[in-house]
PDB file of N, CA and C in Angstrom:
ATOM      1  N   MET A   1     321.542 223.955 135.015  1.00  0.00           N
ATOM      2  CA  MET A   1     322.276 224.387 133.857  1.00  0.00           C
ATOM      3  C   MET A   1     323.672 223.767 133.927  1.00  0.00           C
ATOM      4  N   ASP A   2     324.367 223.809 132.810  1.00  0.00           N
ATOM      5  CA  ASP A   2     325.696 223.200 132.727  1.00  0.00           C
ATOM      6  C   ASP A   2     326.769 224.106 133.344  1.00  0.00           C
ATOM      7  N   TRP A   3     327.976 223.590 133.396  1.00  0.00           N
ATOM      8  CA  TRP A   3     329.121 224.304 133.955  1.00  0.00           C
ATOM      9  C   TRP A   3     329.615 225.385 132.999  1.00  0.00           C
ATOM     10  N   ALA A   4     329.836 226.594 133.520  1.00  0.00           N
ATOM     11  CA  ALA A   4     330.478 227.669 132.762  1.00  0.00           C
ATOM     12  C   ALA A   4     331.944 227.704 133.193  1.00  0.00           C
ATOM     13  N   LYS A   5     332.809 228.153 132.289  1.00  0.00           N
ATOM     14  CA  LYS A   5     334.236 228.155 132.605  1.00  0.00           C
ATOM     15  C   LYS A   5     334.926 229.339 131.948  1.00  0.00           C
ATOM     16  N   ASN A   6     336.060 229.716 132.493  1.00  0.00           N
ATOM     17  CA  ASN A   6     336.940 230.724 131.891  1.00  0.00           C
ATOM     18  C   ASN A   6     336.226 232.006 131.483  1.00  0.00           C
ATOM     19  N   GLY A   7     335.408 232.554 132.356  1.00  0.00           N
ATOM     20  CA  GLY A   7     334.752 233.823 132.097  1.00  0.00           C
ATOM     21  C   GLY A   7     333.495 233.757 131.258  1.00  0.00           C
ATOM     22  N   GLU A   8     333.004 232.561 130.934  1.00  0.00           N
ATOM     23  CA  GLU A   8     331.763 232.444 130.155  1.00  0.00           C
ATOM     24  C   GLU A   8     330.576 232.943 130.975  1.00  0.00           C
ATOM     25  N   ALA A   9     329.561 233.423 130.293  1.00  0.00           N
ATOM     26  CA  ALA A   9     328.322 233.828 130.956  1.00  0.00           C
ATOM     27  C   ALA A   9     327.606 232.590 131.478  1.00  0.00           C
ATOM     28  N   ALA A  10     326.946 232.743 132.619  1.00  0.00           N
ATOM     29  CA  ALA A  10     326.185 231.642 133.210  1.00  0.00           C
ATOM     30  C   ALA A  10     324.867 232.174 133.740  1.00  0.00           C
ATOM     31  N   GLY A  11     323.811 231.392 133.618  1.00  0.00           N
ATOM     32  CA  GLY A  11     322.514 231.784 134.151  1.00  0.00           C
ATOM     33  C   GLY A  11     321.555 232.229 133.072  1.00  0.00           C
ATOM     34  N   THR A  12     320.767 233.264 133.378  1.00  0.00           N
ATOM     35  CA  THR A  12     319.749 233.746 132.449  1.00  0.00           C
ATOM     36  C   THR A  12     319.840 235.256 132.301  1.00  0.00           C
ATOM     37  N   SER A  13     319.204 235.762 131.250  1.00  0.00           N
ATOM     38  CA  SER A  13     319.130 237.200 131.010  1.00  0.00           C
ATOM     39  C   SER A  13     317.696 237.577 130.674  1.00  0.00           C
ATOM     40  N   SER A  14     317.199 238.644 131.253  1.00  0.00           N
ATOM     41  CA  SER A  14     315.861 239.187 130.979  1.00  0.00           C
ATOM     42  C   SER A  14     314.745 238.233 131.353  1.00  0.00           C
ATOM     43  N   MET A  15     314.960 237.381 132.342  1.00  0.00           N
ATOM     44  CA  MET A  15     313.927 236.426 132.733  1.00  0.00           C
ATOM     45  C   MET A  15     313.435 236.659 134.158  1.00  0.00           C
ATOM     46  N   GLY A  16     314.080 237.511 134.907  1.00  0.00           N
ATOM     47  CA  GLY A  16     313.641 237.829 136.261  1.00  0.00           C
ATOM     48  C   GLY A  16     313.866 236.721 137.270  1.00  0.00           C
ATOM     49  N   TYR A  17     314.731 235.770 136.971  1.00  0.00           N
ATOM     50  CA  TYR A  17     315.027 234.710 137.933  1.00  0.00           C
ATOM     51  C   TYR A  17     316.057 235.190 138.938  1.00  0.00           C
ATOM     52  N   ARG A  18     315.948 234.741 140.164  1.00  0.00           N
ATOM     53  CA  ARG A  18     316.936 235.082 141.171  1.00  0.00           C
ATOM     54  C   ARG A  18     317.946 233.944 141.288  1.00  0.00           C
ATOM     55  N   LEU A  19     319.094 234.259 141.810  1.00  0.00           N
ATOM     56  CA  LEU A  19     320.127 233.259 142.039  1.00  0.00           C
ATOM     57  C   LEU A  19     319.719 232.432 143.247  1.00  0.00           C
ATOM     58  N   GLU A  20     319.610 231.130 143.078  1.00  0.00           N
ATOM     59  CA  GLU A  20     319.219 230.261 144.180  1.00  0.00           C
ATOM     60  C   GLU A  20     320.337 229.345 144.627  1.00  0.00           C
ATOM     61  N   ALA A  21     321.308 229.106 143.768  1.00  0.00           N
ATOM     62  CA  ALA A  21     322.431 228.245 144.141  1.00  0.00           C
ATOM     63  C   ALA A  21     323.596 228.508 143.205  1.00  0.00           C
ATOM     64  N   ILE A  22     324.779 228.302 143.728  1.00  0.00           N
ATOM     65  CA  ILE A  22     325.979 228.408 142.910  1.00  0.00           C
ATOM     66  C   ILE A  22     326.959 227.349 143.402  1.00  0.00           C
ATOM     67  N   GLN A  23     327.635 226.731 142.480  1.00  0.00           N
ATOM     68  CA  GLN A  23     328.638 225.732 142.825  1.00  0.00           C
ATOM     69  C   GLN A  23     329.917 226.084 142.085  1.00  0.00           C
ATOM     70  N   ILE A  24     331.007 226.150 142.821  1.00  0.00           N
ATOM     71  CA  ILE A  24     332.308 226.476 142.242  1.00  0.00           C
ATOM     72  C   ILE A  24     333.237 225.303 142.478  1.00  0.00           C
ATOM     73  N   GLN A  25     333.954 224.921 141.450  1.00  0.00           N
ATOM     74  CA  GLN A  25     334.914 223.830 141.583  1.00  0.00           C
ATOM     75  C   GLN A  25     336.182 224.214 140.827  1.00  0.00           C
ATOM     76  N   LEU A  26     337.311 224.115 141.484  1.00  0.00           N
ATOM     77  CA  LEU A  26     338.595 224.402 140.852  1.00  0.00           C
ATOM     78  C   LEU A  26     339.111 223.141 140.179  1.00  0.00           C
ATOM     79  N   VAL A  27     339.640 223.308 138.971  1.00  0.00           N
ATOM     80  CA  VAL A  27     340.251 222.196 138.244  1.00  0.00           C
ATOM     81  C   VAL A  27     341.635 222.627 137.797  1.00  0.00           C
ATOM     82  N   LYS A  28     342.485 221.658 137.551  1.00  0.00           N
ATOM     83  CA  LYS A  28     343.832 221.968 137.077  1.00  0.00           C
ATOM     84  C   LYS A  28     343.755 222.698 135.751  1.00  0.00           C
ATOM     85  N   LYS A  29     344.719 223.610 135.528  1.00  0.00           N
ATOM     86  CA  LYS A  29     344.784 224.343 134.275  1.00  0.00           C
ATOM     87  C   LYS A  29     344.836 223.347 133.115  1.00  0.00           C
ATOM     88  N   GLY A  30     343.967 223.553 132.142  1.00  0.00           N
ATOM     89  CA  GLY A  30     343.880 222.648 130.997  1.00  0.00           C
ATOM     90  C   GLY A  30     343.004 221.438 131.255  1.00  0.00           C
ATOM     91  N   GLY A  31     342.512 221.285 132.489  1.00  0.00           N
ATOM     92  CA  GLY A  31     341.635 220.164 132.825  1.00  0.00           C
ATOM     93  C   GLY A  31     340.226 220.374 132.282  1.00  0.00           C
ATOM     94  N   THR A  32     339.413 219.369 132.411  1.00  0.00           N
ATOM     95  CA  THR A  32     338.038 219.454 131.911  1.00  0.00           C
ATOM     96  C   THR A  32     337.080 219.829 133.038  1.00  0.00           C
ATOM     97  N   ALA A  33     335.958 220.396 132.673  1.00  0.00           N
ATOM     98  CA  ALA A  33     334.917 220.739 133.638  1.00  0.00           C
ATOM     99  C   ALA A  33     334.353 219.447 134.234  1.00  0.00           C
ATOM    100  N   PRO A  34     333.770 219.530 135.421  1.00  0.00           N
ATOM    101  CA  PRO A  34     333.242 218.329 136.065  1.00  0.00           C
ATOM    102  C   PRO A  34     331.935 217.814 135.462  1.00  0.00           C
ATOM    103  N   GLY A  35     331.467 218.429 134.403  1.00  0.00           N
ATOM    104  CA  GLY A  35     330.226 218.012 133.752  1.00  0.00           C
ATOM    105  C   GLY A  35     330.090 218.662 132.391  1.00  0.00           C
ATOM    106  N   GLN A  36     328.875 218.650 131.859  1.00  0.00           N
ATOM    107  CA  GLN A  36     328.583 219.241 130.550  1.00  0.00           C
ATOM    108  C   GLN A  36     328.843 220.753 130.576  1.00  0.00           C
ATOM    109  N   THR A  37     329.187 221.320 129.415  1.00  0.00           N
ATOM    110  CA  THR A  37     329.461 222.758 129.318  1.00  0.00           C
ATOM    111  C   THR A  37     328.732 223.435 128.163  1.00  0.00           C
ATOM    112  N   SER A  38     327.773 222.756 127.559  1.00  0.00           N
ATOM    113  CA  SER A  38     327.142 223.311 126.357  1.00  0.00           C
ATOM    114  C   SER A  38     325.935 224.208 126.637  1.00  0.00           C
ATOM    115  N   PHE A  39     325.314 224.111 127.813  1.00  0.00           N
ATOM    116  CA  PHE A  39     324.104 224.888 128.101  1.00  0.00           C
ATOM    117  C   PHE A  39     324.299 225.674 129.392  1.00  0.00           C
ATOM    118  N   THR A  40     325.001 226.814 129.294  1.00  0.00           N
ATOM    119  CA  THR A  40     325.345 227.596 130.477  1.00  0.00           C
ATOM    120  C   THR A  40     324.547 228.884 130.612  1.00  0.00           C
ATOM    121  N   PHE A  41     323.875 229.315 129.542  1.00  0.00           N
ATOM    122  CA  PHE A  41     323.243 230.633 129.548  1.00  0.00           C
ATOM    123  C   PHE A  41     321.966 230.611 128.715  1.00  0.00           C
ATOM    124  N   LEU A  42     320.934 231.289 129.181  1.00  0.00           N
ATOM    125  CA  LEU A  42     319.647 231.335 128.493  1.00  0.00           C
ATOM    126  C   LEU A  42     319.132 232.769 128.492  1.00  0.00           C
ATOM    127  N   THR A  43     318.759 233.269 127.321  1.00  0.00           N
ATOM    128  CA  THR A  43     318.190 234.611 127.175  1.00  0.00           C
ATOM    129  C   THR A  43     316.704 234.497 126.889  1.00  0.00           C
ATOM    130  N   ALA A  44     315.912 235.340 127.511  1.00  0.00           N
ATOM    131  CA  ALA A  44     314.468 235.319 127.290  1.00  0.00           C
ATOM    132  C   ALA A  44     314.145 235.604 125.830  1.00  0.00           C
ATOM    133  N   PRO A  45     313.164 234.895 125.272  1.00  0.00           N
ATOM    134  CA  PRO A  45     312.767 235.186 123.891  1.00  0.00           C
ATOM    135  C   PRO A  45     312.150 236.581 123.788  1.00  0.00           C
ATOM    136  N   SER A  46     312.217 237.137 122.600  1.00  0.00           N
ATOM    137  CA  SER A  46     311.645 238.445 122.332  1.00  0.00           C
ATOM    138  C   SER A  46     310.685 238.301 121.155  1.00  0.00           C
ATOM    139  N   ILE A  47     309.603 239.066 121.170  1.00  0.00           N
ATOM    140  CA  ILE A  47     308.651 239.032 120.063  1.00  0.00           C
ATOM    141  C   ILE A  47     308.530 240.430 119.456  1.00  0.00           C
ATOM    142  N   GLU A  48     308.523 240.479 118.130  1.00  0.00           N
ATOM    143  CA  GLU A  48     308.276 241.710 117.390  1.00  0.00           C
ATOM    144  C   GLU A  48     306.987 241.521 116.621  1.00  0.00           C
ATOM    145  N   TYR A  49     306.151 242.548 116.561  1.00  0.00           N
ATOM    146  CA  TYR A  49     304.880 242.406 115.854  1.00  0.00           C
ATOM    147  C   TYR A  49     304.422 243.741 115.283  1.00  0.00           C
ATOM    148  N   SER A  50     303.577 243.627 114.276  1.00  0.00           N
ATOM    149  CA  SER A  50     303.006 244.792 113.616  1.00  0.00           C
ATOM    150  C   SER A  50     301.576 244.461 113.223  1.00  0.00           C
ATOM    151  N   SER A  51     300.718 245.439 113.259  1.00  0.00           N
ATOM    152  CA  SER A  51     299.319 245.205 112.886  1.00  0.00           C
ATOM    153  C   SER A  51     298.926 246.096 111.707  1.00  0.00           C
ATOM    154  N   GLU A  52     297.991 245.563 110.903  1.00  0.00           N
ATOM    155  CA  GLU A  52     297.401 246.343 109.813  1.00  0.00           C
ATOM    156  C   GLU A  52     296.016 246.767 110.277  1.00  0.00           C
ATOM    157  N   LEU A  53     295.771 248.070 110.279  1.00  0.00           N
ATOM    158  CA  LEU A  53     294.517 248.604 110.802  1.00  0.00           C
ATOM    159  C   LEU A  53     293.568 249.028 109.695  1.00  0.00           C
ATOM    160  N   GLN A  54     292.291 248.865 109.986  1.00  0.00           N
ATOM    161  CA  GLN A  54     291.227 249.287 109.091  1.00  0.00           C
ATOM    162  C   GLN A  54     291.432 250.752 108.696  1.00  0.00           C
ATOM    163  N   SER A  55     291.441 251.030 107.406  1.00  0.00           N
ATOM    164  CA  SER A  55     291.548 252.375 106.825  1.00  0.00           C
ATOM    165  C   SER A  55     292.884 253.076 107.057  1.00  0.00           C
ATOM    166  N   ILE A  56     293.844 252.440 107.719  1.00  0.00           N
ATOM    167  CA  ILE A  56     295.132 253.080 107.988  1.00  0.00           C
ATOM    168  C   ILE A  56     296.283 252.325 107.341  1.00  0.00           C
ATOM    169  N   GLY A  57     296.265 251.001 107.431  1.00  0.00           N
ATOM    170  CA  GLY A  57     297.349 250.190 106.877  1.00  0.00           C
ATOM    171  C   GLY A  57     298.297 249.701 107.960  1.00  0.00           C
ATOM    172  N   TRP A  58     299.468 249.253 107.514  1.00  0.00           N
ATOM    173  CA  TRP A  58     300.446 248.661 108.434  1.00  0.00           C
ATOM    174  C   TRP A  58     301.051 249.710 109.355  1.00  0.00           C
ATOM    175  N   GLN A  59     301.160 249.345 110.620  1.00  0.00           N
ATOM    176  CA  GLN A  59     301.775 250.183 111.647  1.00  0.00           C
ATOM    177  C   GLN A  59     303.241 249.797 111.829  1.00  0.00           C
ATOM    178  N   ASN A  60     304.011 250.639 112.479  1.00  0.00           N
ATOM    179  CA  ASN A  60     305.413 250.337 112.758  1.00  0.00           C
ATOM    180  C   ASN A  60     305.510 249.101 113.654  1.00  0.00           C
ATOM    181  N   THR A  61     306.606 248.390 113.525  1.00  0.00           N
ATOM    182  CA  THR A  61     306.858 247.207 114.344  1.00  0.00           C
ATOM    183  C   THR A  61     307.170 247.625 115.778  1.00  0.00           C
ATOM    184  N   VAL A  62     306.607 246.889 116.734  1.00  0.00           N
ATOM    185  CA  VAL A  62     306.868 247.108 118.157  1.00  0.00           C
ATOM    186  C   VAL A  62     307.312 245.784 118.777  1.00  0.00           C
ATOM    187  N   THR A  63     307.785 245.831 120.021  1.00  0.00           N
ATOM    188  CA  THR A  63     308.301 244.626 120.666  1.00  0.00           C
ATOM    189  C   THR A  63     307.752 244.437 122.072  1.00  0.00           C
ATOM    190  N   ASP A  64     307.758 243.194 122.490  1.00  0.00           N
ATOM    191  CA  ASP A  64     307.602 242.766 123.886  1.00  0.00           C
ATOM    192  C   ASP A  64     306.548 243.497 124.716  1.00  0.00           C
ATOM    193  N   GLY A  65     305.306 243.447 124.315  1.00  0.00           N
ATOM    194  CA  GLY A  65     304.217 243.985 125.120  1.00  0.00           C
ATOM    195  C   GLY A  65     303.809 245.409 124.814  1.00  0.00           C
ATOM    196  N   ASN A  66     304.487 246.073 123.888  1.00  0.00           N
ATOM    197  CA  ASN A  66     304.081 247.428 123.505  1.00  0.00           C
ATOM    198  C   ASN A  66     302.828 247.369 122.640  1.00  0.00           C
ATOM    199  N   ILE A  67     302.106 248.465 122.568  1.00  0.00           N
ATOM    200  CA  ILE A  67     300.841 248.507 121.830  1.00  0.00           C
ATOM    201  C   ILE A  67     301.086 248.609 120.334  1.00  0.00           C
ATOM    202  N   SER A  68     300.428 247.734 119.600  1.00  0.00           N
ATOM    203  CA  SER A  68     300.430 247.794 118.146  1.00  0.00           C
ATOM    204  C   SER A  68     298.998 248.076 117.722  1.00  0.00           C
ATOM    205  N   GLY A  69     298.785 249.164 117.063  1.00  0.00           N
ATOM    206  CA  GLY A  69     297.428 249.547 116.669  1.00  0.00           C
ATOM    207  C   GLY A  69     297.084 250.893 117.265  1.00  0.00           C
ATOM    208  N   THR A  70     295.822 251.080 117.578  1.00  0.00           N
ATOM    209  CA  THR A  70     295.369 252.337 118.177  1.00  0.00           C
ATOM    210  C   THR A  70     294.523 252.018 119.403  1.00  0.00           C
ATOM    211  N   THR A  71     294.289 253.009 120.204  1.00  0.00           N
ATOM    212  CA  THR A  71     293.378 252.847 121.343  1.00  0.00           C
ATOM    213  C   THR A  71     292.300 253.916 121.255  1.00  0.00           C
ATOM    214  N   GLY A  72     291.086 253.525 121.596  1.00  0.00           N
ATOM    215  CA  GLY A  72     289.977 254.468 121.646  1.00  0.00           C
ATOM    216  C   GLY A  72     289.422 254.927 120.313  1.00  0.00           C
ATOM    217  N   ARG A  73     289.824 254.295 119.207  1.00  0.00           N
ATOM    218  CA  ARG A  73     289.332 254.725 117.888  1.00  0.00           C
ATOM    219  C   ARG A  73     288.385 253.725 117.260  1.00  0.00           C
ATOM    220  N   GLY A  74     288.233 252.557 117.846  1.00  0.00           N
ATOM    221  CA  GLY A  74     287.300 251.550 117.322  1.00  0.00           C
ATOM    222  C   GLY A  74     287.692 250.982 115.971  1.00  0.00           C
ATOM    223  N   LEU A  75     288.978 250.983 115.640  1.00  0.00           N
ATOM    224  CA  LEU A  75     289.427 250.439 114.355  1.00  0.00           C
ATOM    225  C   LEU A  75     289.781 248.961 114.499  1.00  0.00           C
ATOM    226  N   LYS A  76     289.403 248.183 113.484  1.00  0.00           N
ATOM    227  CA  LYS A  76     289.701 246.754 113.495  1.00  0.00           C
ATOM    228  C   LYS A  76     291.146 246.497 113.103  1.00  0.00           C
ATOM    229  N   ILE A  77     291.745 245.489 113.737  1.00  0.00           N
ATOM    230  CA  ILE A  77     293.022 244.964 113.266  1.00  0.00           C
ATOM    231  C   ILE A  77     292.672 243.936 112.201  1.00  0.00           C
ATOM    232  N   GLU A  78     293.126 244.161 110.977  1.00  0.00           N
ATOM    233  CA  GLU A  78     292.782 243.276 109.867  1.00  0.00           C
ATOM    234  C   GLU A  78     293.849 242.219 109.598  1.00  0.00           C
ATOM    235  N   ALA A  79     295.073 242.453 110.057  1.00  0.00           N
ATOM    236  CA  ALA A  79     296.149 241.470 109.893  1.00  0.00           C
ATOM    237  C   ALA A  79     297.206 241.726 110.957  1.00  0.00           C
ATOM    238  N   LEU A  80     297.984 240.688 111.237  1.00  0.00           N
ATOM    239  CA  LEU A  80     299.032 240.784 112.241  1.00  0.00           C
ATOM    240  C   LEU A  80     300.249 240.000 111.776  1.00  0.00           C
ATOM    241  N   LYS A  81     301.452 240.597 111.890  1.00  0.00           N
ATOM    242  CA  LYS A  81     302.712 239.909 111.601  1.00  0.00           C
ATOM    243  C   LYS A  81     303.468 239.806 112.915  1.00  0.00           C
ATOM    244  N   ALA A  82     304.106 238.650 113.156  1.00  0.00           N
ATOM    245  CA  ALA A  82     304.886 238.484 114.375  1.00  0.00           C
ATOM    246  C   ALA A  82     306.098 237.612 114.090  1.00  0.00           C
ATOM    247  N   SER A  83     307.182 237.897 114.812  1.00  0.00           N
ATOM    248  CA  SER A  83     308.365 237.040 114.720  1.00  0.00           C
ATOM    249  C   SER A  83     309.034 236.965 116.089  1.00  0.00           C
ATOM    250  N   LEU A  84     309.610 235.811 116.380  1.00  0.00           N
ATOM    251  CA  LEU A  84     310.305 235.579 117.639  1.00  0.00           C
ATOM    252  C   LEU A  84     311.808 235.608 117.410  1.00  0.00           C
ATOM    253  N   SER A  85     312.542 236.090 118.408  1.00  0.00           N
ATOM    254  CA  SER A  85     313.998 236.036 118.354  1.00  0.00           C
ATOM    255  C   SER A  85     314.525 235.640 119.730  1.00  0.00           C
ATOM    256  N   ASN A  86     315.799 235.361 119.813  1.00  0.00           N
ATOM    257  CA  ASN A  86     316.444 234.909 121.046  1.00  0.00           C
ATOM    258  C   ASN A  86     315.839 233.620 121.580  1.00  0.00           C
ATOM    259  N   LEU A  87     315.466 232.726 120.690  1.00  0.00           N
ATOM    260  CA  LEU A  87     314.941 231.442 121.142  1.00  0.00           C
ATOM    261  C   LEU A  87     316.102 230.534 121.490  1.00  0.00           C
ATOM    262  N   SER A  88     316.066 229.983 122.674  1.00  0.00           N
ATOM    263  CA  SER A  88     317.115 229.060 123.125  1.00  0.00           C
ATOM    264  C   SER A  88     316.453 227.782 123.619  1.00  0.00           C
ATOM    265  N   VAL A  89     316.974 226.670 123.203  1.00  0.00           N
ATOM    266  CA  VAL A  89     316.486 225.384 123.693  1.00  0.00           C
ATOM    267  C   VAL A  89     317.677 224.621 124.209  1.00  0.00           C
ATOM    268  N   GLY A  90     317.544 224.053 125.366  1.00  0.00           N
ATOM    269  CA  GLY A  90     318.633 223.287 125.948  1.00  0.00           C
ATOM    270  C   GLY A  90     318.119 222.027 126.594  1.00  0.00           C
ATOM    271  N   ILE A  91     318.998 221.132 126.857  1.00  0.00           N
ATOM    272  CA  ILE A  91     318.670 219.879 127.523  1.00  0.00           C
ATOM    273  C   ILE A  91     319.242 219.943 128.922  1.00  0.00           C
ATOM    274  N   SER A  92     318.436 219.677 129.920  1.00  0.00           N
ATOM    275  CA  SER A  92     318.909 219.678 131.290  1.00  0.00           C
ATOM    276  C   SER A  92     318.171 218.585 132.055  1.00  0.00           C
ATOM    277  N   GLY A  93     318.900 217.662 132.621  1.00  0.00           N
ATOM    278  CA  GLY A  93     318.284 216.605 133.421  1.00  0.00           C
ATOM    279  C   GLY A  93     317.325 215.751 132.630  1.00  0.00           C
ATOM    280  N   GLY A  94     317.558 215.585 131.343  1.00  0.00           N
ATOM    281  CA  GLY A  94     316.704 214.744 130.521  1.00  0.00           C
ATOM    282  C   GLY A  94     315.488 215.450 129.968  1.00  0.00           C
ATOM    283  N   GLY A  95     315.247 216.709 130.334  1.00  0.00           N
ATOM    284  CA  GLY A  95     314.087 217.429 129.824  1.00  0.00           C
ATOM    285  C   GLY A  95     314.503 218.561 128.916  1.00  0.00           C
ATOM    286  N   ILE A  96     313.581 219.077 128.137  1.00  0.00           N
ATOM    287  CA  ILE A  96     313.848 220.197 127.258  1.00  0.00           C
ATOM    288  C   ILE A  96     313.410 221.470 127.955  1.00  0.00           C
ATOM    289  N   LEU A  97     314.268 222.472 127.968  1.00  0.00           N
ATOM    290  CA  LEU A  97     313.936 223.765 128.569  1.00  0.00           C
ATOM    291  C   LEU A  97     313.339 224.677 127.532  1.00  0.00           C
TER     292      LEU A  97
END
């Protein structure tokens, strides 16, 4: 990831990664970072979804692995709506993250 500076967030959020390395470099006040500074932080994407059930209709929206629909009732899911949020794309070492 790129260099963070002046109290900016660095690393990831909600991804379960552990800290494996850290590099600190002091620069003169008003100086530039020793590298790129545009990709310092990444948040895990989140998904919201809702299902339409046979004979019941649309259910409330749920997120990130929660159950949408019913259990043990044998009802078909007839439609599904989903949307993603917190999508982040960055360039690091020539590859897309």
